[in-house]
Amino acid sequence: MYRLGERLNRKKRKRYLKAVILMAILLISLVTAYIVYQISHTKTTLHQSAGTVVRVDIPNSATVNYDEGLFSVSLPKTWQQISQPSSLYHIYSWRTLSTNSQTLDIYQDTIPTNFAVNRELAIQSEGNHLSIIGLVSDNCASFTKPTSNMVTGTPAKWQGVNFLCDLANYERDVVGTGSSDGINSIGLTSNLNGLHHFFFVYINNTINPDFTTFYQILNSFNLK
Protein backbone atom coordinates (compact mmCIF):
# COMPACT_ATOMS: atom_id res chain seq x y z
CA MET A 1 0.00 0.00 0.00
CA TYR A 2 2.85 2.37 0.73
CA ARG A 3 4.31 2.05 -2.76
CA LEU A 4 0.94 2.52 -4.37
CA GLY A 5 0.33 5.78 -2.47
CA GLU A 6 3.79 7.00 -3.44
CA ARG A 7 3.03 6.43 -7.12
CA LEU A 8 -0.26 8.30 -6.77
CA ASN A 9 1.46 11.26 -5.16
CA ARG A 10 3.99 11.37 -7.97
CA LYS A 11 1.17 11.43 -10.56
CA LYS A 12 -0.51 14.30 -8.67
CA ARG A 13 2.73 16.27 -8.59
CA LYS A 14 3.21 15.75 -12.31
CA ARG A 15 -0.34 16.87 -13.05
CA TYR A 16 0.16 19.89 -10.81
CA LEU A 17 3.44 20.77 -12.50
CA LYS A 18 1.85 20.49 -15.94
CA ALA A 19 -1.00 22.72 -14.82
CA VAL A 20 1.46 25.34 -13.54
CA ILE A 21 3.40 25.26 -16.80
CA LEU A 22 0.20 25.59 -18.85
CA MET A 23 -0.94 28.51 -16.67
CA ALA A 24 2.44 30.19 -17.11
CA ILE A 25 2.31 29.72 -20.88
CA LEU A 26 -1.23 31.05 -20.96
CA LEU A 27 -0.26 34.06 -18.85
CA ILE A 28 2.74 34.84 -21.05
CA SER A 29 0.56 34.54 -24.15
CA LEU A 30 -2.02 36.92 -22.69
CA VAL A 31 0.64 39.48 -21.74
CA THR A 32 2.25 39.25 -25.19
CA ALA A 33 -1.11 39.65 -26.94
CA TYR A 34 -1.89 42.70 -24.77
CA ILE A 35 1.44 44.37 -25.63
CA VAL A 36 0.96 43.73 -29.35
CA TYR A 37 -2.54 45.15 -29.18
CA GLN A 38 -1.37 48.31 -27.41
CA ILE A 39 1.42 48.89 -29.95
CA SER A 40 -0.81 48.37 -32.95
CA HIS A 41 -3.54 50.69 -31.64
CA THR A 42 -1.41 53.50 -30.26
CA LYS A 43 -2.09 56.84 -31.96
CA THR A 44 1.13 58.69 -32.73
CA THR A 45 0.92 62.46 -33.24
CA LEU A 46 3.79 64.16 -35.05
CA HIS A 47 4.45 67.81 -34.22
CA GLN A 48 6.27 69.51 -37.11
CA SER A 49 7.81 72.93 -36.73
CA ALA A 50 6.71 75.72 -39.05
CA GLY A 51 8.39 75.58 -42.45
CA THR A 52 11.12 78.07 -43.32
CA VAL A 53 11.87 79.00 -46.89
CA VAL A 54 15.61 78.85 -47.52
CA ARG A 55 17.31 79.77 -50.76
CA VAL A 56 19.44 76.87 -51.97
CA ASP A 57 21.98 77.66 -54.66
CA ILE A 58 22.45 74.61 -56.87
CA PRO A 59 25.84 74.71 -58.52
CA ASN A 60 25.76 74.50 -62.29
CA SER A 61 28.55 72.25 -63.56
CA ALA A 62 28.28 73.88 -66.98
CA THR A 63 29.43 77.30 -65.71
CA VAL A 64 32.50 78.84 -64.16
CA ASN A 65 32.31 81.53 -61.48
CA TYR A 66 34.76 84.40 -61.90
CA ASP A 67 35.79 86.39 -58.84
CA GLU A 68 36.99 89.79 -60.02
CA GLY A 69 37.55 91.34 -56.63
CA LEU A 70 34.75 93.90 -56.73
CA PHE A 71 32.18 91.60 -58.32
CA SER A 72 31.52 87.98 -59.29
CA VAL A 73 29.89 86.57 -62.41
CA SER A 74 29.26 83.11 -63.88
CA LEU A 75 29.84 82.22 -67.53
CA PRO A 76 29.63 78.98 -69.52
CA LYS A 77 32.65 76.69 -69.44
CA THR A 78 32.88 77.07 -73.19
CA TRP A 79 33.99 80.69 -72.68
CA GLN A 80 37.41 82.06 -71.74
CA GLN A 81 38.54 85.32 -70.23
CA ILE A 82 40.69 87.55 -72.42
CA SER A 83 42.90 90.47 -71.50
CA GLN A 84 42.15 93.95 -72.81
CA PRO A 85 44.80 96.41 -74.01
CA SER A 86 45.33 99.46 -71.86
CA SER A 87 42.67 102.09 -72.40
CA LEU A 88 40.69 104.78 -70.65
CA TYR A 89 38.11 102.19 -69.66
CA HIS A 90 38.21 99.50 -67.01
CA ILE A 91 36.96 96.45 -68.95
CA TYR A 92 36.57 92.72 -68.22
CA SER A 93 36.14 90.57 -71.34
CA TRP A 94 35.21 86.99 -72.25
CA ARG A 95 34.58 85.13 -75.50
CA THR A 96 33.59 81.65 -76.66
CA LEU A 97 36.49 79.19 -76.86
CA SER A 98 35.96 77.64 -80.29
CA THR A 99 35.14 80.84 -82.17
CA ASN A 100 34.64 84.51 -81.47
CA SER A 101 30.95 84.20 -82.26
CA GLN A 102 29.98 85.48 -78.80
CA THR A 103 31.74 88.02 -76.62
CA LEU A 104 31.00 89.85 -73.39
CA ASP A 105 32.51 93.10 -72.11
CA ILE A 106 31.81 94.49 -68.65
CA TYR A 107 32.72 98.14 -68.12
CA GLN A 108 33.30 99.05 -64.49
CA ASP A 109 32.84 102.68 -63.36
CA THR A 110 34.41 104.07 -66.55
CA ILE A 111 31.31 104.12 -68.75
CA PRO A 112 31.46 104.99 -72.50
CA THR A 113 28.31 107.10 -72.72
CA ASN A 114 28.80 107.59 -76.49
CA PHE A 115 28.88 103.81 -77.21
CA ALA A 116 26.19 102.99 -79.81
CA VAL A 117 24.55 99.54 -79.99
CA ASN A 118 22.16 97.66 -82.28
CA ARG A 119 19.93 96.18 -79.59
CA GLU A 120 19.07 97.33 -76.08
CA LEU A 121 18.24 95.46 -72.88
CA ALA A 122 16.64 97.39 -70.03
CA ILE A 123 17.81 96.46 -66.53
CA GLN A 124 17.31 97.84 -63.05
CA SER A 125 19.20 97.79 -59.77
CA GLU A 126 18.25 95.43 -56.95
CA GLY A 127 20.89 96.51 -54.46
CA ASN A 128 24.06 94.52 -55.14
CA HIS A 129 22.60 92.69 -58.14
CA LEU A 130 20.35 93.51 -61.05
CA SER A 131 17.11 92.38 -62.63
CA ILE A 132 16.13 92.25 -66.28
CA ILE A 133 13.17 94.20 -67.60
CA GLY A 134 11.58 92.45 -70.54
CA LEU A 135 13.69 91.11 -73.40
CA VAL A 136 16.41 92.28 -75.75
CA SER A 137 14.95 94.68 -78.31
CA ASP A 138 14.73 94.12 -82.03
CA ASN A 139 17.43 95.77 -84.09
CA CYS A 140 17.00 99.43 -83.21
CA ALA A 141 17.09 100.35 -86.90
CA SER A 142 13.50 99.09 -87.02
CA PHE A 143 12.20 101.67 -84.54
CA THR A 144 14.70 104.58 -84.67
CA LYS A 145 14.36 107.53 -87.03
CA PRO A 146 17.62 108.47 -88.77
CA THR A 147 19.29 111.82 -88.06
CA SER A 148 22.18 113.70 -89.58
CA ASN A 149 24.47 112.67 -86.69
CA MET A 150 24.60 108.93 -87.44
CA VAL A 151 28.37 108.65 -86.90
CA THR A 152 28.20 108.94 -83.10
CA GLY A 153 24.88 107.16 -82.71
CA THR A 154 21.26 108.14 -82.96
CA PRO A 155 19.23 108.77 -79.78
CA ALA A 156 16.69 106.00 -79.24
CA LYS A 157 14.53 104.59 -76.49
CA TRP A 158 13.54 101.04 -75.48
CA GLN A 159 11.13 100.33 -72.62
CA GLY A 160 11.70 103.79 -71.21
CA VAL A 161 15.52 103.52 -71.35
CA ASN A 162 17.53 105.96 -73.45
CA PHE A 163 20.42 104.68 -75.56
CA LEU A 164 22.33 105.34 -78.78
CA CYS A 165 21.36 103.30 -81.85
CA ASP A 166 24.16 102.40 -84.26
CA LEU A 167 22.32 102.99 -87.52
CA ALA A 168 25.61 103.22 -89.39
CA ASN A 169 26.28 99.52 -88.64
CA TYR A 170 22.72 98.21 -88.49
CA GLU A 171 23.67 94.70 -89.69
CA ARG A 172 25.51 93.87 -86.44
CA ASP A 173 24.09 92.31 -83.28
CA VAL A 174 25.70 94.32 -80.52
CA VAL A 175 23.54 94.35 -77.38
CA GLY A 176 23.99 96.95 -74.67
CA THR A 177 22.37 97.41 -71.27
CA GLY A 178 20.82 100.57 -69.95
CA SER A 179 18.72 101.78 -67.07
CA SER A 180 17.08 104.86 -65.63
CA ASP A 181 20.50 105.75 -64.19
CA GLY A 182 21.61 106.97 -67.62
CA ILE A 183 22.80 105.86 -71.05
CA ASN A 184 24.85 102.63 -70.87
CA SER A 185 24.92 102.66 -67.08
CA ILE A 186 23.45 101.02 -64.01
CA GLY A 187 24.43 101.70 -60.42
CA LEU A 188 24.70 98.84 -57.94
CA THR A 189 25.30 99.27 -54.22
CA SER A 190 26.65 96.98 -51.52
CA ASN A 191 27.40 97.52 -47.84
CA LEU A 192 31.02 96.52 -48.39
CA ASN A 193 31.92 98.48 -51.53
CA GLY A 194 29.30 101.20 -51.83
CA LEU A 195 28.08 102.46 -55.23
CA HIS A 196 29.59 101.32 -58.54
CA HIS A 197 28.40 101.65 -62.13
CA PHE A 198 28.49 98.99 -64.84
CA PHE A 199 27.81 98.63 -68.56
CA PHE A 200 27.37 95.22 -70.23
CA VAL A 201 28.00 94.67 -73.94
CA TYR A 202 27.12 91.32 -75.50
CA ILE A 203 27.87 90.45 -79.13
CA ASN A 204 26.39 87.42 -80.85
CA ASN A 205 27.55 86.82 -84.41
CA THR A 206 25.69 83.55 -84.94
CA ILE A 207 23.10 83.20 -87.70
CA ASN A 208 20.17 83.02 -85.27
CA PRO A 209 21.21 84.93 -82.14
CA ASP A 210 19.92 83.52 -78.86
CA PHE A 211 20.18 85.85 -75.88
CA THR A 212 19.45 83.24 -73.18
CA THR A 213 23.14 83.03 -72.26
CA PHE A 214 23.28 86.79 -71.83
CA TYR A 215 20.27 86.72 -69.50
CA GLN A 216 21.87 83.98 -67.39
CA ILE A 217 25.15 85.88 -67.13
CA LEU A 218 23.39 89.04 -65.97
CA ASN A 219 21.34 87.12 -63.41
CA SER A 220 24.56 85.70 -61.92
CA PHE A 221 26.26 89.11 -61.58
CA ASN A 222 26.80 90.30 -57.99
CA LEU A 223 28.56 93.31 -56.52
CA LYS A 224 30.43 92.27 -53.37
C-alpha atoms as a PDB file:
ATOM      1  CA  MET A   1       0.000   0.000   0.000  1.00  0.00           C
ATOM      2  CA  TYR A   2       2.848   2.373   0.729  1.00  0.00           C
ATOM      3  CA  ARG A   3       4.314   2.047  -2.762  1.00  0.00           C
ATOM      4  CA  LEU A   4       0.940   2.520  -4.374  1.00  0.00           C
ATOM      5  CA  GLY A   5       0.332   5.778  -2.471  1.00  0.00           C
ATOM      6  CA  GLU A   6       3.793   6.996  -3.440  1.00  0.00           C
ATOM      7  CA  ARG A   7       3.033   6.428  -7.119  1.00  0.00           C
ATOM      8  CA  LEU A   8      -0.262   8.303  -6.773  1.00  0.00           C
ATOM      9  CA  ASN A   9       1.465  11.262  -5.158  1.00  0.00           C
ATOM     10  CA  ARG A  10       3.988  11.373  -7.974  1.00  0.00           C
ATOM     11  CA  LYS A  11       1.172  11.428 -10.559  1.00  0.00           C
ATOM     12  CA  LYS A  12      -0.505  14.301  -8.674  1.00  0.00           C
ATOM     13  CA  ARG A  13       2.727  16.271  -8.591  1.00  0.00           C
ATOM     14  CA  LYS A  14       3.214  15.755 -12.310  1.00  0.00           C
ATOM     15  CA  ARG A  15      -0.339  16.874 -13.050  1.00  0.00           C
ATOM     16  CA  TYR A  16       0.157  19.889 -10.810  1.00  0.00           C
ATOM     17  CA  LEU A  17       3.443  20.770 -12.504  1.00  0.00           C
ATOM     18  CA  LYS A  18       1.845  20.487 -15.943  1.00  0.00           C
ATOM     19  CA  ALA A  19      -0.996  22.724 -14.821  1.00  0.00           C
ATOM     20  CA  VAL A  20       1.460  25.345 -13.535  1.00  0.00           C
ATOM     21  CA  ILE A  21       3.397  25.260 -16.804  1.00  0.00           C
ATOM     22  CA  LEU A  22       0.199  25.589 -18.846  1.00  0.00           C
ATOM     23  CA  MET A  23      -0.943  28.511 -16.666  1.00  0.00           C
ATOM     24  CA  ALA A  24       2.440  30.191 -17.110  1.00  0.00           C
ATOM     25  CA  ILE A  25       2.313  29.723 -20.879  1.00  0.00           C
ATOM     26  CA  LEU A  26      -1.234  31.048 -20.958  1.00  0.00           C
ATOM     27  CA  LEU A  27      -0.261  34.063 -18.849  1.00  0.00           C
ATOM     28  CA  ILE A  28       2.737  34.843 -21.053  1.00  0.00           C
ATOM     29  CA  SER A  29       0.558  34.538 -24.146  1.00  0.00           C
ATOM     30  CA  LEU A  30      -2.020  36.923 -22.695  1.00  0.00           C
ATOM     31  CA  VAL A  31       0.636  39.483 -21.741  1.00  0.00           C
ATOM     32  CA  THR A  32       2.253  39.253 -25.191  1.00  0.00           C
ATOM     33  CA  ALA A  33      -1.112  39.648 -26.937  1.00  0.00           C
ATOM     34  CA  TYR A  34      -1.889  42.702 -24.773  1.00  0.00           C
ATOM     35  CA  ILE A  35       1.442  44.371 -25.627  1.00  0.00           C
ATOM     36  CA  VAL A  36       0.965  43.728 -29.352  1.00  0.00           C
ATOM     37  CA  TYR A  37      -2.542  45.149 -29.177  1.00  0.00           C
ATOM     38  CA  GLN A  38      -1.372  48.307 -27.412  1.00  0.00           C
ATOM     39  CA  ILE A  39       1.424  48.888 -29.947  1.00  0.00           C
ATOM     40  CA  SER A  40      -0.813  48.372 -32.950  1.00  0.00           C
ATOM     41  CA  HIS A  41      -3.542  50.687 -31.636  1.00  0.00           C
ATOM     42  CA  THR A  42      -1.407  53.499 -30.260  1.00  0.00           C
ATOM     43  CA  LYS A  43      -2.095  56.839 -31.959  1.00  0.00           C
ATOM     44  CA  THR A  44       1.127  58.694 -32.730  1.00  0.00           C
ATOM     45  CA  THR A  45       0.921  62.463 -33.237  1.00  0.00           C
ATOM     46  CA  LEU A  46       3.793  64.163 -35.050  1.00  0.00           C
ATOM     47  CA  HIS A  47       4.454  67.809 -34.216  1.00  0.00           C
ATOM     48  CA  GLN A  48       6.269  69.514 -37.110  1.00  0.00           C
ATOM     49  CA  SER A  49       7.805  72.929 -36.725  1.00  0.00           C
ATOM     50  CA  ALA A  50       6.710  75.716 -39.048  1.00  0.00           C
ATOM     51  CA  GLY A  51       8.391  75.578 -42.447  1.00  0.00           C
ATOM     52  CA  THR A  52      11.116  78.069 -43.316  1.00  0.00           C
ATOM     53  CA  VAL A  53      11.874  78.997 -46.892  1.00  0.00           C
ATOM     54  CA  VAL A  54      15.605  78.850 -47.520  1.00  0.00           C
ATOM     55  CA  ARG A  55      17.314  79.770 -50.763  1.00  0.00           C
ATOM     56  CA  VAL A  56      19.444  76.872 -51.969  1.00  0.00           C
ATOM     57  CA  ASP A  57      21.981  77.660 -54.656  1.00  0.00           C
ATOM     58  CA  ILE A  58      22.454  74.614 -56.867  1.00  0.00           C
ATOM     59  CA  PRO A  59      25.845  74.707 -58.523  1.00  0.00           C
ATOM     60  CA  ASN A  60      25.757  74.499 -62.292  1.00  0.00           C
ATOM     61  CA  SER A  61      28.552  72.248 -63.557  1.00  0.00           C
ATOM     62  CA  ALA A  62      28.277  73.881 -66.984  1.00  0.00           C
ATOM     63  CA  THR A  63      29.428  77.296 -65.709  1.00  0.00           C
ATOM     64  CA  VAL A  64      32.503  78.840 -64.155  1.00  0.00           C
ATOM     65  CA  ASN A  65      32.309  81.529 -61.482  1.00  0.00           C
ATOM     66  CA  TYR A  66      34.759  84.404 -61.905  1.00  0.00           C
ATOM     67  CA  ASP A  67      35.788  86.395 -58.842  1.00  0.00           C
ATOM     68  CA  GLU A  68      36.989  89.791 -60.022  1.00  0.00           C
ATOM     69  CA  GLY A  69      37.547  91.345 -56.627  1.00  0.00           C
ATOM     70  CA  LEU A  70      34.753  93.897 -56.733  1.00  0.00           C
ATOM     71  CA  PHE A  71      32.177  91.604 -58.316  1.00  0.00           C
ATOM     72  CA  SER A  72      31.521  87.979 -59.288  1.00  0.00           C
ATOM     73  CA  VAL A  73      29.888  86.570 -62.410  1.00  0.00           C
ATOM     74  CA  SER A  74      29.259  83.112 -63.881  1.00  0.00           C
ATOM     75  CA  LEU A  75      29.840  82.220 -67.525  1.00  0.00           C
ATOM     76  CA  PRO A  76      29.626  78.979 -69.525  1.00  0.00           C
ATOM     77  CA  LYS A  77      32.653  76.689 -69.435  1.00  0.00           C
ATOM     78  CA  THR A  78      32.882  77.074 -73.189  1.00  0.00           C
ATOM     79  CA  TRP A  79      33.988  80.694 -72.678  1.00  0.00           C
ATOM     80  CA  GLN A  80      37.413  82.063 -71.743  1.00  0.00           C
ATOM     81  CA  GLN A  81      38.537  85.324 -70.234  1.00  0.00           C
ATOM     82  CA  ILE A  82      40.693  87.551 -72.421  1.00  0.00           C
ATOM     83  CA  SER A  83      42.896  90.470 -71.504  1.00  0.00           C
ATOM     84  CA  GLN A  84      42.149  93.948 -72.810  1.00  0.00           C
ATOM     85  CA  PRO A  85      44.795  96.407 -74.009  1.00  0.00           C
ATOM     86  CA  SER A  86      45.328  99.465 -71.859  1.00  0.00           C
ATOM     87  CA  SER A  87      42.674 102.093 -72.405  1.00  0.00           C
ATOM     88  CA  LEU A  88      40.695 104.784 -70.653  1.00  0.00           C
ATOM     89  CA  TYR A  89      38.111 102.186 -69.661  1.00  0.00           C
ATOM     90  CA  HIS A  90      38.214  99.505 -67.011  1.00  0.00           C
ATOM     91  CA  ILE A  91      36.955  96.452 -68.953  1.00  0.00           C
ATOM     92  CA  TYR A  92      36.571  92.723 -68.225  1.00  0.00           C
ATOM     93  CA  SER A  93      36.141  90.568 -71.344  1.00  0.00           C
ATOM     94  CA  TRP A  94      35.211  86.989 -72.250  1.00  0.00           C
ATOM     95  CA  ARG A  95      34.585  85.127 -75.500  1.00  0.00           C
ATOM     96  CA  THR A  96      33.593  81.650 -76.655  1.00  0.00           C
ATOM     97  CA  LEU A  97      36.491  79.189 -76.861  1.00  0.00           C
ATOM     98  CA  SER A  98      35.958  77.638 -80.288  1.00  0.00           C
ATOM     99  CA  THR A  99      35.140  80.838 -82.169  1.00  0.00           C
ATOM    100  CA  ASN A 100      34.636  84.506 -81.472  1.00  0.00           C
ATOM    101  CA  SER A 101      30.951  84.201 -82.261  1.00  0.00           C
ATOM    102  CA  GLN A 102      29.980  85.477 -78.799  1.00  0.00           C
ATOM    103  CA  THR A 103      31.739  88.025 -76.621  1.00  0.00           C
ATOM    104  CA  LEU A 104      31.002  89.852 -73.390  1.00  0.00           C
ATOM    105  CA  ASP A 105      32.506  93.102 -72.111  1.00  0.00           C
ATOM    106  CA  ILE A 106      31.815  94.486 -68.648  1.00  0.00           C
ATOM    107  CA  TYR A 107      32.722  98.135 -68.125  1.00  0.00           C
ATOM    108  CA  GLN A 108      33.298  99.050 -64.492  1.00  0.00           C
ATOM    109  CA  ASP A 109      32.841 102.677 -63.358  1.00  0.00           C
ATOM    110  CA  THR A 110      34.410 104.070 -66.553  1.00  0.00           C
ATOM    111  CA  ILE A 111      31.312 104.118 -68.754  1.00  0.00           C
ATOM    112  CA  PRO A 112      31.458 104.986 -72.499  1.00  0.00           C
ATOM    113  CA  THR A 113      28.309 107.097 -72.720  1.00  0.00           C
ATOM    114  CA  ASN A 114      28.798 107.586 -76.492  1.00  0.00           C
ATOM    115  CA  PHE A 115      28.878 103.808 -77.208  1.00  0.00           C
ATOM    116  CA  ALA A 116      26.194 102.987 -79.813  1.00  0.00           C
ATOM    117  CA  VAL A 117      24.545  99.544 -79.994  1.00  0.00           C
ATOM    118  CA  ASN A 118      22.163  97.656 -82.277  1.00  0.00           C
ATOM    119  CA  ARG A 119      19.927  96.183 -79.589  1.00  0.00           C
ATOM    120  CA  GLU A 120      19.072  97.327 -76.082  1.00  0.00           C
ATOM    121  CA  LEU A 121      18.238  95.461 -72.879  1.00  0.00           C
ATOM    122  CA  ALA A 122      16.642  97.389 -70.033  1.00  0.00           C
ATOM    123  CA  ILE A 123      17.813  96.462 -66.528  1.00  0.00           C
ATOM    124  CA  GLN A 124      17.310  97.842 -63.052  1.00  0.00           C
ATOM    125  CA  SER A 125      19.202  97.795 -59.771  1.00  0.00           C
ATOM    126  CA  GLU A 126      18.251  95.430 -56.949  1.00  0.00           C
ATOM    127  CA  GLY A 127      20.888  96.515 -54.457  1.00  0.00           C
ATOM    128  CA  ASN A 128      24.055  94.522 -55.136  1.00  0.00           C
ATOM    129  CA  HIS A 129      22.601  92.685 -58.137  1.00  0.00           C
ATOM    130  CA  LEU A 130      20.352  93.511 -61.053  1.00  0.00           C
ATOM    131  CA  SER A 131      17.110  92.385 -62.628  1.00  0.00           C
ATOM    132  CA  ILE A 132      16.131  92.250 -66.278  1.00  0.00           C
ATOM    133  CA  ILE A 133      13.166  94.203 -67.598  1.00  0.00           C
ATOM    134  CA  GLY A 134      11.576  92.445 -70.540  1.00  0.00           C
ATOM    135  CA  LEU A 135      13.686  91.114 -73.402  1.00  0.00           C
ATOM    136  CA  VAL A 136      16.410  92.282 -75.746  1.00  0.00           C
ATOM    137  CA  SER A 137      14.952  94.677 -78.310  1.00  0.00           C
ATOM    138  CA  ASP A 138      14.732  94.119 -82.033  1.00  0.00           C
ATOM    139  CA  ASN A 139      17.433  95.772 -84.095  1.00  0.00           C
ATOM    140  CA  CYS A 140      17.004  99.430 -83.214  1.00  0.00           C
ATOM    141  CA  ALA A 141      17.092 100.353 -86.901  1.00  0.00           C
ATOM    142  CA  SER A 142      13.495  99.094 -87.024  1.00  0.00           C
ATOM    143  CA  PHE A 143      12.199 101.672 -84.535  1.00  0.00           C
ATOM    144  CA  THR A 144      14.695 104.579 -84.674  1.00  0.00           C
ATOM    145  CA  LYS A 145      14.357 107.528 -87.031  1.00  0.00           C
ATOM    146  CA  PRO A 146      17.625 108.469 -88.771  1.00  0.00           C
ATOM    147  CA  THR A 147      19.285 111.818 -88.057  1.00  0.00           C
ATOM    148  CA  SER A 148      22.181 113.696 -89.579  1.00  0.00           C
ATOM    149  CA  ASN A 149      24.468 112.669 -86.694  1.00  0.00           C
ATOM    150  CA  MET A 150      24.601 108.928 -87.436  1.00  0.00           C
ATOM    151  CA  VAL A 151      28.366 108.649 -86.903  1.00  0.00           C
ATOM    152  CA  THR A 152      28.198 108.939 -83.102  1.00  0.00           C
ATOM    153  CA  GLY A 153      24.880 107.161 -82.707  1.00  0.00           C
ATOM    154  CA  THR A 154      21.264 108.145 -82.965  1.00  0.00           C
ATOM    155  CA  PRO A 155      19.232 108.769 -79.784  1.00  0.00           C
ATOM    156  CA  ALA A 156      16.690 105.998 -79.243  1.00  0.00           C
ATOM    157  CA  LYS A 157      14.527 104.591 -76.490  1.00  0.00           C
ATOM    158  CA  TRP A 158      13.540 101.043 -75.480  1.00  0.00           C
ATOM    159  CA  GLN A 159      11.126 100.326 -72.625  1.00  0.00           C
ATOM    160  CA  GLY A 160      11.704 103.794 -71.210  1.00  0.00           C
ATOM    161  CA  VAL A 161      15.519 103.516 -71.349  1.00  0.00           C
ATOM    162  CA  ASN A 162      17.531 105.957 -73.448  1.00  0.00           C
ATOM    163  CA  PHE A 163      20.422 104.676 -75.561  1.00  0.00           C
ATOM    164  CA  LEU A 164      22.326 105.340 -78.782  1.00  0.00           C
ATOM    165  CA  CYS A 165      21.361 103.301 -81.845  1.00  0.00           C
ATOM    166  CA  ASP A 166      24.165 102.397 -84.261  1.00  0.00           C
ATOM    167  CA  LEU A 167      22.318 102.985 -87.523  1.00  0.00           C
ATOM    168  CA  ALA A 168      25.614 103.222 -89.389  1.00  0.00           C
ATOM    169  CA  ASN A 169      26.279  99.523 -88.639  1.00  0.00           C
ATOM    170  CA  TYR A 170      22.725  98.212 -88.486  1.00  0.00           C
ATOM    171  CA  GLU A 171      23.675  94.704 -89.693  1.00  0.00           C
ATOM    172  CA  ARG A 172      25.513  93.873 -86.445  1.00  0.00           C
ATOM    173  CA  ASP A 173      24.086  92.306 -83.280  1.00  0.00           C
ATOM    174  CA  VAL A 174      25.702  94.323 -80.519  1.00  0.00           C
ATOM    175  CA  VAL A 175      23.539  94.353 -77.385  1.00  0.00           C
ATOM    176  CA  GLY A 176      23.988  96.953 -74.667  1.00  0.00           C
ATOM    177  CA  THR A 177      22.370  97.407 -71.270  1.00  0.00           C
ATOM    178  CA  GLY A 178      20.816 100.573 -69.955  1.00  0.00           C
ATOM    179  CA  SER A 179      18.715 101.779 -67.072  1.00  0.00           C
ATOM    180  CA  SER A 180      17.079 104.865 -65.626  1.00  0.00           C
ATOM    181  CA  ASP A 181      20.504 105.748 -64.195  1.00  0.00           C
ATOM    182  CA  GLY A 182      21.611 106.970 -67.623  1.00  0.00           C
ATOM    183  CA  ILE A 183      22.804 105.862 -71.047  1.00  0.00           C
ATOM    184  CA  ASN A 184      24.848 102.629 -70.867  1.00  0.00           C
ATOM    185  CA  SER A 185      24.918 102.664 -67.082  1.00  0.00           C
ATOM    186  CA  ILE A 186      23.454 101.019 -64.014  1.00  0.00           C
ATOM    187  CA  GLY A 187      24.434 101.696 -60.423  1.00  0.00           C
ATOM    188  CA  LEU A 188      24.702  98.838 -57.943  1.00  0.00           C
ATOM    189  CA  THR A 189      25.296  99.273 -54.221  1.00  0.00           C
ATOM    190  CA  SER A 190      26.650  96.982 -51.519  1.00  0.00           C
ATOM    191  CA  ASN A 191      27.405  97.524 -47.837  1.00  0.00           C
ATOM    192  CA  LEU A 192      31.018  96.524 -48.388  1.00  0.00           C
ATOM    193  CA  ASN A 193      31.921  98.477 -51.530  1.00  0.00           C
ATOM    194  CA  GLY A 194      29.304 101.198 -51.833  1.00  0.00           C
ATOM    195  CA  LEU A 195      28.081 102.460 -55.229  1.00  0.00           C
ATOM    196  CA  HIS A 196      29.592 101.325 -58.544  1.00  0.00           C
ATOM    197  CA  HIS A 197      28.396 101.652 -62.135  1.00  0.00           C
ATOM    198  CA  PHE A 198      28.487  98.989 -64.842  1.00  0.00           C
ATOM    199  CA  PHE A 199      27.808  98.630 -68.558  1.00  0.00           C
ATOM    200  CA  PHE A 200      27.367  95.222 -70.226  1.00  0.00           C
ATOM    201  CA  VAL A 201      28.000  94.670 -73.937  1.00  0.00           C
ATOM    202  CA  TYR A 202      27.121  91.321 -75.500  1.00  0.00           C
ATOM    203  CA  ILE A 203      27.872  90.455 -79.134  1.00  0.00           C
ATOM    204  CA  ASN A 204      26.385  87.421 -80.849  1.00  0.00           C
ATOM    205  CA  ASN A 205      27.552  86.817 -84.415  1.00  0.00           C
ATOM    206  CA  THR A 206      25.695  83.547 -84.936  1.00  0.00           C
ATOM    207  CA  ILE A 207      23.101  83.198 -87.699  1.00  0.00           C
ATOM    208  CA  ASN A 208      20.173  83.016 -85.272  1.00  0.00           C
ATOM    209  CA  PRO A 209      21.209  84.928 -82.139  1.00  0.00           C
ATOM    210  CA  ASP A 210      19.916  83.523 -78.860  1.00  0.00           C
ATOM    211  CA  PHE A 211      20.180  85.847 -75.878  1.00  0.00           C
ATOM    212  CA  THR A 212      19.452  83.241 -73.179  1.00  0.00           C
ATOM    213  CA  THR A 213      23.135  83.030 -72.262  1.00  0.00           C
ATOM    214  CA  PHE A 214      23.283  86.794 -71.828  1.00  0.00           C
ATOM    215  CA  TYR A 215      20.272  86.723 -69.497  1.00  0.00           C
ATOM    216  CA  GLN A 216      21.874  83.976 -67.393  1.00  0.00           C
ATOM    217  CA  ILE A 217      25.150  85.880 -67.129  1.00  0.00           C
ATOM    218  CA  LEU A 218      23.388  89.040 -65.969  1.00  0.00           C
ATOM    219  CA  ASN A 219      21.337  87.120 -63.413  1.00  0.00           C
ATOM    220  CA  SER A 220      24.556  85.704 -61.918  1.00  0.00           C
ATOM    221  CA  PHE A 221      26.256  89.105 -61.577  1.00  0.00           C
ATOM    222  CA  ASN A 222      26.801  90.301 -57.986  1.00  0.00           C
ATOM    223  CA  LEU A 223      28.564  93.311 -56.525  1.00  0.00           C
ATOM    224  CA  LYS A 224      30.426  92.273 -53.374  1.00  0.00           C
END
